[in-house]
Amino acid sequence: MPVNDGKVPDPGRDEIAAIFYAFQKSEIENAQKGAIIISSEHLNKNRIRCISFEEVSSELEALNSLVDVVVELDPDIVTGWEVQQGSWGYVNSRAAIYGSLLVFILLSQRSTKPGYEFLDLISRAPARRAVNDNNDQWGSRHTSTIKVIGRHVLNAWRIMRSEQSLASYTLENVVFHVLRRR
């Protein structure tokens, strides 16, 4: 019996089915929204109307497409809900399963240095390896432990926790209380 009773996805065994993203350059421009969806017998393309999407055949291809999207859009800020274990952290954990295969495919035109990770691939500069990186207790409690060199990482969960006084900070509960929608 799984520890999480099957309610929370486990990046060690649960593959990504779809990746959704939105990009907004300024308040004037409309947000660019999209999705990268892995082909499945359960996918009904006719039900996806409001968003442009790219259909890919595998999770590895979806990860490669996500790196391409981030590099192409080149955002200054990346955000997600609970970025350590959900959103970016989950994607990073899934990419780690593919290890050097992901790196080889994406960096085949560039120099392949050992130690690259998914977060290094979406960074704007090469990663700096600090000796005491694992010892940053204050940073792990107050900031994002997801580091993307050259980009700011905002954890929407932490922002909501400081802005709203709620009993539960699940995504669903925050959306209900802030947006008044289910």
N, C-alpha and C. Protein backbone atom coordinates (compact mmCIF):
# COMPACT_ATOMS: atom_id res chain seq x y z
N MET A 1 0.85 -1.18 0.00
CA MET A 1 0.00 0.00 0.00
C MET A 1 0.89 1.24 0.00
N PRO A 2 0.68 2.15 -0.94
CA PRO A 2 1.54 3.34 -0.99
C PRO A 2 1.34 4.21 0.25
N VAL A 3 2.42 4.88 0.62
CA VAL A 3 2.40 5.74 1.80
C VAL A 3 1.39 6.87 1.64
N ASN A 4 1.28 7.42 0.44
CA ASN A 4 0.41 8.58 0.23
C ASN A 4 -1.01 8.18 -0.18
N ASP A 5 -1.34 6.90 -0.07
CA ASP A 5 -2.67 6.39 -0.43
C ASP A 5 -3.09 6.75 -1.84
N GLY A 6 -2.14 7.02 -2.71
CA GLY A 6 -2.44 7.33 -4.10
C GLY A 6 -3.02 8.70 -4.33
N LYS A 7 -3.05 9.57 -3.31
CA LYS A 7 -3.66 10.89 -3.46
C LYS A 7 -2.69 11.93 -3.98
N VAL A 8 -1.43 11.78 -3.69
CA VAL A 8 -0.42 12.74 -4.13
C VAL A 8 0.51 12.02 -5.09
N PRO A 9 0.78 12.60 -6.25
CA PRO A 9 1.66 11.93 -7.20
C PRO A 9 3.08 11.78 -6.65
N ASP A 10 3.70 10.70 -7.00
CA ASP A 10 5.08 10.41 -6.59
C ASP A 10 5.97 10.53 -7.81
N PRO A 11 6.92 11.49 -7.83
CA PRO A 11 7.76 11.66 -9.02
C PRO A 11 8.65 10.45 -9.31
N GLY A 12 8.81 9.57 -8.34
CA GLY A 12 9.60 8.38 -8.58
C GLY A 12 8.90 7.34 -9.44
N ARG A 13 7.58 7.42 -9.54
CA ARG A 13 6.85 6.42 -10.32
C ARG A 13 5.73 6.97 -11.19
N ASP A 14 5.21 8.16 -10.88
CA ASP A 14 4.08 8.72 -11.63
C ASP A 14 4.56 9.67 -12.72
N GLU A 15 4.36 9.27 -13.96
CA GLU A 15 4.81 10.09 -15.08
C GLU A 15 3.96 11.34 -15.25
N ILE A 16 4.54 12.32 -15.88
CA ILE A 16 3.84 13.55 -16.22
C ILE A 16 2.92 13.25 -17.39
N ALA A 17 1.67 13.72 -17.31
CA ALA A 17 0.72 13.52 -18.41
C ALA A 17 0.59 14.78 -19.25
N ALA A 18 0.74 15.96 -18.63
CA ALA A 18 0.63 17.22 -19.35
C ALA A 18 1.35 18.30 -18.58
N ILE A 19 1.86 19.28 -19.31
CA ILE A 19 2.53 20.43 -18.72
C ILE A 19 1.83 21.67 -19.26
N PHE A 20 1.34 22.51 -18.36
CA PHE A 20 0.66 23.74 -18.76
C PHE A 20 1.54 24.93 -18.40
N TYR A 21 1.53 25.94 -19.24
CA TYR A 21 2.33 27.13 -18.97
C TYR A 21 1.60 28.38 -19.45
N ALA A 22 2.00 29.52 -18.87
CA ALA A 22 1.49 30.82 -19.30
C ALA A 22 2.65 31.80 -19.21
N PHE A 23 2.70 32.72 -20.14
CA PHE A 23 3.78 33.70 -20.20
C PHE A 23 3.16 35.06 -20.51
N GLN A 24 3.51 36.05 -19.72
CA GLN A 24 3.01 37.39 -19.96
C GLN A 24 4.19 38.35 -19.87
N LYS A 25 4.39 39.12 -20.94
CA LYS A 25 5.54 40.02 -21.01
C LYS A 25 5.25 41.35 -20.31
N SER A 26 4.05 41.87 -20.44
CA SER A 26 3.66 43.11 -19.78
C SER A 26 2.17 43.08 -19.53
N GLU A 27 1.69 44.07 -18.80
CA GLU A 27 0.25 44.11 -18.51
C GLU A 27 -0.58 44.35 -19.76
N ILE A 28 0.00 45.00 -20.75
CA ILE A 28 -0.72 45.34 -21.97
C ILE A 28 -0.95 44.12 -22.85
N GLU A 29 0.07 43.30 -22.95
CA GLU A 29 -0.01 42.16 -23.84
C GLU A 29 -0.80 41.02 -23.22
N ASN A 30 -1.49 40.27 -24.06
CA ASN A 30 -2.20 39.08 -23.59
C ASN A 30 -1.20 38.00 -23.21
N ALA A 31 -1.58 37.20 -22.26
CA ALA A 31 -0.72 36.10 -21.85
C ALA A 31 -0.66 35.05 -22.96
N GLN A 32 0.51 34.50 -23.14
CA GLN A 32 0.69 33.39 -24.07
C GLN A 32 0.54 32.12 -23.26
N LYS A 33 -0.47 31.32 -23.57
CA LYS A 33 -0.75 30.11 -22.82
C LYS A 33 -0.59 28.91 -23.73
N GLY A 34 -0.20 27.82 -23.13
CA GLY A 34 -0.06 26.61 -23.91
C GLY A 34 0.05 25.39 -23.03
N ALA A 35 0.11 24.25 -23.69
CA ALA A 35 0.24 22.99 -22.98
C ALA A 35 1.07 22.04 -23.83
N ILE A 36 1.78 21.18 -23.14
CA ILE A 36 2.50 20.09 -23.77
C ILE A 36 1.84 18.83 -23.23
N ILE A 37 1.20 18.07 -24.10
CA ILE A 37 0.40 16.93 -23.67
C ILE A 37 0.96 15.65 -24.28
N ILE A 38 1.12 14.65 -23.44
CA ILE A 38 1.63 13.37 -23.90
C ILE A 38 0.46 12.57 -24.47
N SER A 39 0.66 12.04 -25.68
CA SER A 39 -0.38 11.26 -26.36
C SER A 39 -0.85 10.12 -25.48
N SER A 40 -2.15 9.92 -25.50
CA SER A 40 -2.75 8.86 -24.70
C SER A 40 -4.08 8.48 -25.32
N GLU A 41 -4.50 7.28 -25.04
CA GLU A 41 -5.81 6.85 -25.53
C GLU A 41 -6.93 7.62 -24.84
N HIS A 42 -6.62 8.23 -23.68
CA HIS A 42 -7.61 8.99 -22.93
C HIS A 42 -7.71 10.44 -23.40
N LEU A 43 -6.80 10.86 -24.27
CA LEU A 43 -6.78 12.25 -24.74
C LEU A 43 -7.82 12.44 -25.86
N ASN A 44 -8.73 13.35 -25.62
CA ASN A 44 -9.72 13.71 -26.62
C ASN A 44 -9.41 15.14 -27.06
N LYS A 45 -8.79 15.29 -28.21
CA LYS A 45 -8.35 16.61 -28.69
C LYS A 45 -9.51 17.58 -28.89
N ASN A 46 -10.68 17.06 -29.16
CA ASN A 46 -11.84 17.92 -29.38
C ASN A 46 -12.29 18.66 -28.12
N ARG A 47 -11.89 18.16 -26.95
CA ARG A 47 -12.29 18.80 -25.69
C ARG A 47 -11.35 19.93 -25.30
N ILE A 48 -10.22 20.04 -25.96
CA ILE A 48 -9.26 21.10 -25.65
C ILE A 48 -9.48 22.23 -26.65
N ARG A 49 -10.13 23.29 -26.19
CA ARG A 49 -10.52 24.36 -27.10
C ARG A 49 -9.84 25.69 -26.83
N CYS A 50 -9.64 26.04 -25.58
CA CYS A 50 -9.23 27.39 -25.21
C CYS A 50 -7.72 27.59 -25.16
N ILE A 51 -6.96 26.59 -25.48
CA ILE A 51 -5.52 26.69 -25.31
C ILE A 51 -4.82 25.97 -26.45
N SER A 52 -3.74 26.56 -26.92
CA SER A 52 -2.96 25.86 -27.95
C SER A 52 -2.10 24.81 -27.24
N PHE A 53 -1.94 23.68 -27.88
CA PHE A 53 -1.17 22.63 -27.25
C PHE A 53 -0.32 21.89 -28.27
N GLU A 54 0.73 21.31 -27.74
CA GLU A 54 1.63 20.48 -28.54
C GLU A 54 1.48 19.06 -28.03
N GLU A 55 1.21 18.15 -28.91
CA GLU A 55 1.08 16.75 -28.52
C GLU A 55 2.41 16.04 -28.79
N VAL A 56 2.93 15.36 -27.78
CA VAL A 56 4.19 14.64 -27.90
C VAL A 56 3.96 13.17 -27.57
N SER A 57 4.91 12.34 -27.94
CA SER A 57 4.70 10.90 -27.79
C SER A 57 5.24 10.33 -26.48
N SER A 58 6.12 11.05 -25.77
CA SER A 58 6.69 10.50 -24.55
C SER A 58 6.96 11.60 -23.53
N GLU A 59 7.19 11.18 -22.30
CA GLU A 59 7.50 12.13 -21.23
C GLU A 59 8.83 12.82 -21.50
N LEU A 60 9.80 12.09 -22.00
CA LEU A 60 11.10 12.69 -22.32
C LEU A 60 10.95 13.78 -23.37
N GLU A 61 10.13 13.54 -24.36
CA GLU A 61 9.87 14.54 -25.39
C GLU A 61 9.16 15.76 -24.79
N ALA A 62 8.28 15.53 -23.83
CA ALA A 62 7.59 16.65 -23.15
C ALA A 62 8.59 17.49 -22.36
N LEU A 63 9.53 16.84 -21.68
CA LEU A 63 10.55 17.57 -20.94
C LEU A 63 11.43 18.39 -21.88
N ASN A 64 11.81 17.79 -23.01
CA ASN A 64 12.60 18.51 -24.01
C ASN A 64 11.82 19.72 -24.54
N SER A 65 10.53 19.55 -24.78
CA SER A 65 9.69 20.65 -25.27
C SER A 65 9.58 21.76 -24.23
N LEU A 66 9.47 21.40 -22.96
CA LEU A 66 9.40 22.40 -21.90
C LEU A 66 10.69 23.22 -21.84
N VAL A 67 11.82 22.57 -21.96
CA VAL A 67 13.09 23.31 -21.99
C VAL A 67 13.10 24.26 -23.18
N ASP A 68 12.65 23.80 -24.33
CA ASP A 68 12.60 24.65 -25.52
C ASP A 68 11.69 25.86 -25.30
N VAL A 69 10.54 25.66 -24.65
CA VAL A 69 9.60 26.76 -24.38
C VAL A 69 10.25 27.78 -23.46
N VAL A 70 10.88 27.33 -22.38
CA VAL A 70 11.50 28.26 -21.43
C VAL A 70 12.63 29.03 -22.09
N VAL A 71 13.45 28.35 -22.86
CA VAL A 71 14.56 29.03 -23.54
C VAL A 71 14.04 30.02 -24.57
N GLU A 72 12.99 29.65 -25.30
CA GLU A 72 12.43 30.54 -26.33
C GLU A 72 11.75 31.76 -25.71
N LEU A 73 10.92 31.56 -24.68
CA LEU A 73 10.21 32.67 -24.06
C LEU A 73 11.13 33.51 -23.17
N ASP A 74 12.16 32.90 -22.61
CA ASP A 74 13.18 33.56 -21.80
C ASP A 74 12.59 34.43 -20.70
N PRO A 75 11.79 33.85 -19.78
CA PRO A 75 11.18 34.66 -18.72
C PRO A 75 12.21 35.08 -17.67
N ASP A 76 11.99 36.25 -17.08
CA ASP A 76 12.81 36.69 -15.96
C ASP A 76 12.39 35.98 -14.68
N ILE A 77 11.10 35.68 -14.58
CA ILE A 77 10.54 35.06 -13.38
C ILE A 77 9.81 33.78 -13.77
N VAL A 78 10.08 32.71 -13.05
CA VAL A 78 9.30 31.48 -13.19
C VAL A 78 8.60 31.25 -11.86
N THR A 79 7.39 30.78 -11.93
CA THR A 79 6.62 30.57 -10.70
C THR A 79 5.85 29.27 -10.80
N GLY A 80 5.39 28.82 -9.67
CA GLY A 80 4.59 27.60 -9.62
C GLY A 80 4.00 27.46 -8.24
N TRP A 81 3.13 26.48 -8.09
CA TRP A 81 2.52 26.22 -6.80
C TRP A 81 3.34 25.15 -6.12
N GLU A 82 3.86 25.46 -4.94
CA GLU A 82 4.70 24.54 -4.17
C GLU A 82 5.84 24.03 -5.07
N VAL A 83 6.75 24.94 -5.40
CA VAL A 83 7.77 24.66 -6.41
C VAL A 83 8.76 23.57 -6.00
N GLN A 84 8.93 23.30 -4.72
CA GLN A 84 9.88 22.28 -4.32
C GLN A 84 9.39 20.87 -4.65
N GLN A 85 8.14 20.55 -4.29
CA GLN A 85 7.65 19.20 -4.49
C GLN A 85 6.65 19.10 -5.63
N GLY A 86 6.01 20.20 -5.97
CA GLY A 86 5.08 20.23 -7.10
C GLY A 86 5.72 21.02 -8.22
N SER A 87 4.99 21.36 -9.20
CA SER A 87 5.39 22.16 -10.37
C SER A 87 6.85 21.92 -10.77
N TRP A 88 7.72 22.88 -10.61
CA TRP A 88 9.10 22.78 -11.11
C TRP A 88 9.88 21.66 -10.43
N GLY A 89 9.65 21.46 -9.14
CA GLY A 89 10.35 20.39 -8.43
C GLY A 89 9.96 19.01 -8.94
N TYR A 90 8.68 18.83 -9.25
CA TYR A 90 8.21 17.56 -9.79
C TYR A 90 8.82 17.31 -11.16
N VAL A 91 8.81 18.35 -12.00
CA VAL A 91 9.40 18.22 -13.33
C VAL A 91 10.89 17.90 -13.22
N ASN A 92 11.58 18.58 -12.31
CA ASN A 92 13.01 18.33 -12.10
C ASN A 92 13.25 16.89 -11.64
N SER A 93 12.41 16.38 -10.74
CA SER A 93 12.55 15.00 -10.26
C SER A 93 12.30 14.00 -11.39
N ARG A 94 11.31 14.26 -12.22
CA ARG A 94 11.04 13.37 -13.35
C ARG A 94 12.20 13.41 -14.36
N ALA A 95 12.76 14.60 -14.59
CA ALA A 95 13.88 14.72 -15.52
C ALA A 95 15.11 13.98 -15.00
N ALA A 96 15.28 13.95 -13.68
CA ALA A 96 16.43 13.25 -13.10
C ALA A 96 16.39 11.76 -13.41
N ILE A 97 15.20 11.21 -13.61
CA ILE A 97 15.07 9.80 -13.94
C ILE A 97 15.73 9.50 -15.29
N TYR A 98 15.62 10.46 -16.21
CA TYR A 98 16.22 10.28 -17.54
C TYR A 98 17.70 10.62 -17.54
N GLY A 99 18.15 11.38 -16.54
CA GLY A 99 19.55 11.69 -16.35
C GLY A 99 20.25 12.21 -17.58
N SER A 100 21.33 11.56 -17.94
CA SER A 100 22.18 12.05 -19.02
C SER A 100 21.52 11.94 -20.39
N LEU A 101 20.47 11.13 -20.53
CA LEU A 101 19.78 11.02 -21.82
C LEU A 101 19.14 12.35 -22.18
N LEU A 102 18.50 13.01 -21.22
CA LEU A 102 17.90 14.32 -21.43
C LEU A 102 18.97 15.33 -21.80
N VAL A 103 20.08 15.29 -21.07
CA VAL A 103 21.18 16.22 -21.32
C VAL A 103 21.77 15.99 -22.70
N PHE A 104 21.97 14.73 -23.08
CA PHE A 104 22.57 14.43 -24.37
C PHE A 104 21.71 14.94 -25.51
N ILE A 105 20.42 14.76 -25.41
CA ILE A 105 19.52 15.19 -26.47
C ILE A 105 19.51 16.71 -26.59
N LEU A 106 19.42 17.40 -25.44
CA LEU A 106 19.29 18.86 -25.47
C LEU A 106 20.60 19.58 -25.73
N LEU A 107 21.70 19.01 -25.31
CA LEU A 107 22.98 19.70 -25.44
C LEU A 107 23.86 19.13 -26.54
N SER A 108 23.28 18.37 -27.46
CA SER A 108 24.08 17.73 -28.48
C SER A 108 24.82 18.74 -29.36
N GLN A 109 24.27 19.96 -29.49
CA GLN A 109 24.94 20.99 -30.28
C GLN A 109 25.98 21.75 -29.44
N ARG A 110 25.81 21.71 -28.11
CA ARG A 110 26.70 22.44 -27.20
C ARG A 110 27.64 21.46 -26.50
N SER A 111 28.51 22.02 -25.70
CA SER A 111 29.43 21.22 -24.91
C SER A 111 28.65 20.50 -23.81
N THR A 112 28.81 19.20 -23.69
CA THR A 112 28.11 18.46 -22.64
C THR A 112 29.05 18.27 -21.46
N LYS A 113 28.76 18.96 -20.38
CA LYS A 113 29.55 18.85 -19.17
C LYS A 113 28.83 17.94 -18.20
N PRO A 114 29.55 17.09 -17.49
CA PRO A 114 28.87 16.23 -16.52
C PRO A 114 28.26 17.05 -15.39
N GLY A 115 27.15 16.59 -14.85
CA GLY A 115 26.51 17.26 -13.73
C GLY A 115 25.37 18.17 -14.12
N TYR A 116 25.06 18.27 -15.40
CA TYR A 116 23.92 19.09 -15.81
C TYR A 116 22.63 18.45 -15.33
N GLU A 117 21.67 19.30 -14.98
CA GLU A 117 20.35 18.86 -14.57
C GLU A 117 19.32 19.66 -15.35
N PHE A 118 18.06 19.30 -15.18
CA PHE A 118 16.98 20.01 -15.85
C PHE A 118 17.02 21.50 -15.54
N LEU A 119 17.20 21.85 -14.26
CA LEU A 119 17.21 23.26 -13.87
C LEU A 119 18.39 23.99 -14.50
N ASP A 120 19.50 23.30 -14.72
CA ASP A 120 20.63 23.91 -15.42
C ASP A 120 20.28 24.21 -16.87
N LEU A 121 19.46 23.34 -17.46
CA LEU A 121 19.10 23.51 -18.87
C LEU A 121 18.19 24.71 -19.10
N ILE A 122 17.37 25.07 -18.10
CA ILE A 122 16.49 26.23 -18.26
C ILE A 122 17.11 27.49 -17.66
N SER A 123 18.32 27.38 -17.13
CA SER A 123 19.02 28.54 -16.59
C SER A 123 19.58 29.39 -17.71
N ARG A 124 19.87 30.65 -17.38
CA ARG A 124 20.46 31.56 -18.36
C ARG A 124 21.98 31.49 -18.37
N ALA A 125 22.58 30.89 -17.36
CA ALA A 125 24.04 30.84 -17.24
C ALA A 125 24.43 29.48 -16.68
N PRO A 126 25.68 29.11 -16.82
CA PRO A 126 26.13 27.83 -16.23
C PRO A 126 25.98 27.86 -14.72
N ALA A 127 25.69 26.70 -14.15
CA ALA A 127 25.49 26.59 -12.71
C ALA A 127 26.81 26.74 -11.96
N ARG A 128 26.70 27.37 -10.79
CA ARG A 128 27.84 27.44 -9.87
C ARG A 128 27.56 26.46 -8.76
N ARG A 129 28.47 25.59 -8.49
CA ARG A 129 28.30 24.60 -7.44
C ARG A 129 28.92 25.12 -6.15
N ALA A 130 28.07 25.37 -5.15
CA ALA A 130 28.56 25.84 -3.86
C ALA A 130 28.80 24.65 -2.94
N VAL A 131 29.81 24.76 -2.10
CA VAL A 131 30.16 23.67 -1.19
C VAL A 131 29.08 23.47 -0.15
N ASN A 132 28.53 24.54 0.43
CA ASN A 132 27.55 24.44 1.51
C ASN A 132 26.13 24.67 1.01
N ASP A 133 25.83 24.27 -0.19
CA ASP A 133 24.50 24.50 -0.76
C ASP A 133 23.41 23.77 0.02
N ASN A 134 23.70 22.60 0.57
CA ASN A 134 22.69 21.81 1.28
C ASN A 134 22.45 22.31 2.70
N ASN A 135 23.24 23.26 3.16
CA ASN A 135 23.16 23.73 4.53
C ASN A 135 22.36 25.01 4.68
N ASP A 136 21.66 25.44 3.69
CA ASP A 136 20.94 26.70 3.71
C ASP A 136 19.55 26.49 4.31
N GLN A 137 19.48 26.39 5.64
CA GLN A 137 18.21 26.14 6.31
C GLN A 137 17.27 27.33 6.21
N TRP A 138 17.79 28.55 6.38
CA TRP A 138 16.95 29.73 6.27
C TRP A 138 16.35 29.82 4.87
N GLY A 139 17.17 29.59 3.86
CA GLY A 139 16.70 29.65 2.48
C GLY A 139 15.62 28.63 2.19
N SER A 140 15.76 27.43 2.75
CA SER A 140 14.75 26.41 2.48
C SER A 140 13.44 26.71 3.18
N ARG A 141 13.47 27.48 4.30
CA ARG A 141 12.23 27.84 5.00
C ARG A 141 11.58 29.10 4.46
N HIS A 142 12.36 30.01 3.89
CA HIS A 142 11.83 31.32 3.52
C HIS A 142 11.86 31.61 2.02
N THR A 143 12.61 30.88 1.28
CA THR A 143 12.70 31.12 -0.16
C THR A 143 12.47 29.79 -0.89
N SER A 144 12.67 29.83 -2.17
CA SER A 144 12.53 28.62 -2.96
C SER A 144 13.85 27.86 -2.96
N THR A 145 13.81 26.56 -2.77
CA THR A 145 15.03 25.78 -2.87
C THR A 145 15.29 25.38 -4.32
N ILE A 146 14.38 25.71 -5.19
CA ILE A 146 14.59 25.51 -6.62
C ILE A 146 15.39 26.70 -7.11
N LYS A 147 16.57 26.44 -7.64
CA LYS A 147 17.44 27.51 -8.12
C LYS A 147 17.59 27.40 -9.63
N VAL A 148 17.25 28.49 -10.31
CA VAL A 148 17.41 28.58 -11.76
C VAL A 148 18.30 29.80 -11.99
N ILE A 149 19.53 29.58 -12.35
CA ILE A 149 20.51 30.65 -12.48
C ILE A 149 20.04 31.65 -13.54
N GLY A 150 19.96 32.93 -13.16
CA GLY A 150 19.57 33.99 -14.08
C GLY A 150 18.08 34.26 -14.13
N ARG A 151 17.30 33.52 -13.34
CA ARG A 151 15.86 33.72 -13.29
C ARG A 151 15.42 33.73 -11.82
N HIS A 152 14.39 34.50 -11.54
CA HIS A 152 13.81 34.51 -10.20
C HIS A 152 12.78 33.39 -10.14
N VAL A 153 12.75 32.66 -9.04
CA VAL A 153 11.77 31.60 -8.84
C VAL A 153 10.85 32.03 -7.70
N LEU A 154 9.56 32.15 -8.00
CA LEU A 154 8.58 32.53 -6.99
C LEU A 154 7.69 31.34 -6.68
N ASN A 155 7.52 31.08 -5.40
CA ASN A 155 6.67 30.00 -4.95
C ASN A 155 5.31 30.61 -4.60
N ALA A 156 4.31 30.43 -5.44
CA ALA A 156 2.99 31.04 -5.24
C ALA A 156 2.36 30.59 -3.92
N TRP A 157 2.65 29.39 -3.47
CA TRP A 157 2.12 28.90 -2.21
C TRP A 157 2.62 29.77 -1.05
N ARG A 158 3.92 30.06 -1.03
CA ARG A 158 4.49 30.90 0.04
C ARG A 158 3.93 32.32 -0.01
N ILE A 159 3.73 32.85 -1.20
CA ILE A 159 3.17 34.20 -1.34
C ILE A 159 1.75 34.22 -0.79
N MET A 160 0.94 33.24 -1.14
CA MET A 160 -0.44 33.19 -0.65
C MET A 160 -0.48 33.02 0.86
N ARG A 161 0.43 32.24 1.39
CA ARG A 161 0.46 32.02 2.84
C ARG A 161 0.71 33.32 3.59
N SER A 162 1.51 34.20 3.00
CA SER A 162 1.80 35.48 3.67
C SER A 162 0.71 36.52 3.40
N GLU A 163 -0.11 36.33 2.36
CA GLU A 163 -1.13 37.30 1.99
C GLU A 163 -2.52 36.98 2.53
N GLN A 164 -2.84 35.72 2.68
CA GLN A 164 -4.17 35.28 3.09
C GLN A 164 -4.09 34.45 4.37
N SER A 165 -5.04 34.64 5.25
CA SER A 165 -5.13 33.84 6.46
C SER A 165 -6.19 32.76 6.24
N LEU A 166 -5.74 31.57 5.95
CA LEU A 166 -6.65 30.45 5.65
C LEU A 166 -6.30 29.26 6.53
N ALA A 167 -7.23 28.36 6.68
CA ALA A 167 -6.98 27.14 7.44
C ALA A 167 -6.17 26.14 6.63
N SER A 168 -6.34 26.14 5.32
CA SER A 168 -5.65 25.20 4.45
C SER A 168 -5.14 25.94 3.21
N TYR A 169 -3.92 25.63 2.81
CA TYR A 169 -3.32 26.32 1.65
C TYR A 169 -3.15 25.38 0.46
N THR A 170 -4.11 24.49 0.28
CA THR A 170 -4.09 23.70 -0.94
C THR A 170 -4.46 24.61 -2.09
N LEU A 171 -4.05 24.27 -3.29
CA LEU A 171 -4.36 25.08 -4.46
C LEU A 171 -5.87 25.28 -4.60
N GLU A 172 -6.62 24.21 -4.41
CA GLU A 172 -8.07 24.28 -4.56
C GLU A 172 -8.70 25.23 -3.56
N ASN A 173 -8.26 25.17 -2.30
CA ASN A 173 -8.83 26.03 -1.26
C ASN A 173 -8.47 27.49 -1.48
N VAL A 174 -7.24 27.76 -1.88
CA VAL A 174 -6.83 29.14 -2.14
C VAL A 174 -7.60 29.71 -3.33
N VAL A 175 -7.77 28.94 -4.39
CA VAL A 175 -8.54 29.40 -5.55
C VAL A 175 -9.97 29.71 -5.14
N PHE A 176 -10.55 28.86 -4.31
CA PHE A 176 -11.93 29.11 -3.87
C PHE A 176 -12.02 30.42 -3.07
N HIS A 177 -11.12 30.64 -2.14
CA HIS A 177 -11.21 31.81 -1.28
C HIS A 177 -10.79 33.11 -1.99
N VAL A 178 -9.82 33.04 -2.88
CA VAL A 178 -9.34 34.26 -3.55
C VAL A 178 -10.18 34.58 -4.78
N LEU A 179 -10.45 33.60 -5.60
CA LEU A 179 -11.17 33.83 -6.85
C LEU A 179 -12.67 33.54 -6.74
N ARG A 180 -13.08 32.93 -5.65
CA ARG A 180 -14.48 32.56 -5.45
C ARG A 180 -14.98 31.64 -6.55
N ARG A 181 -14.12 30.71 -6.95
CA ARG A 181 -14.47 29.73 -7.99
C ARG A 181 -13.98 28.36 -7.56
N ARG A 182 -14.66 27.35 -7.99
CA ARG A 182 -14.21 25.97 -7.73
C ARG A 182 -13.61 25.43 -8.99
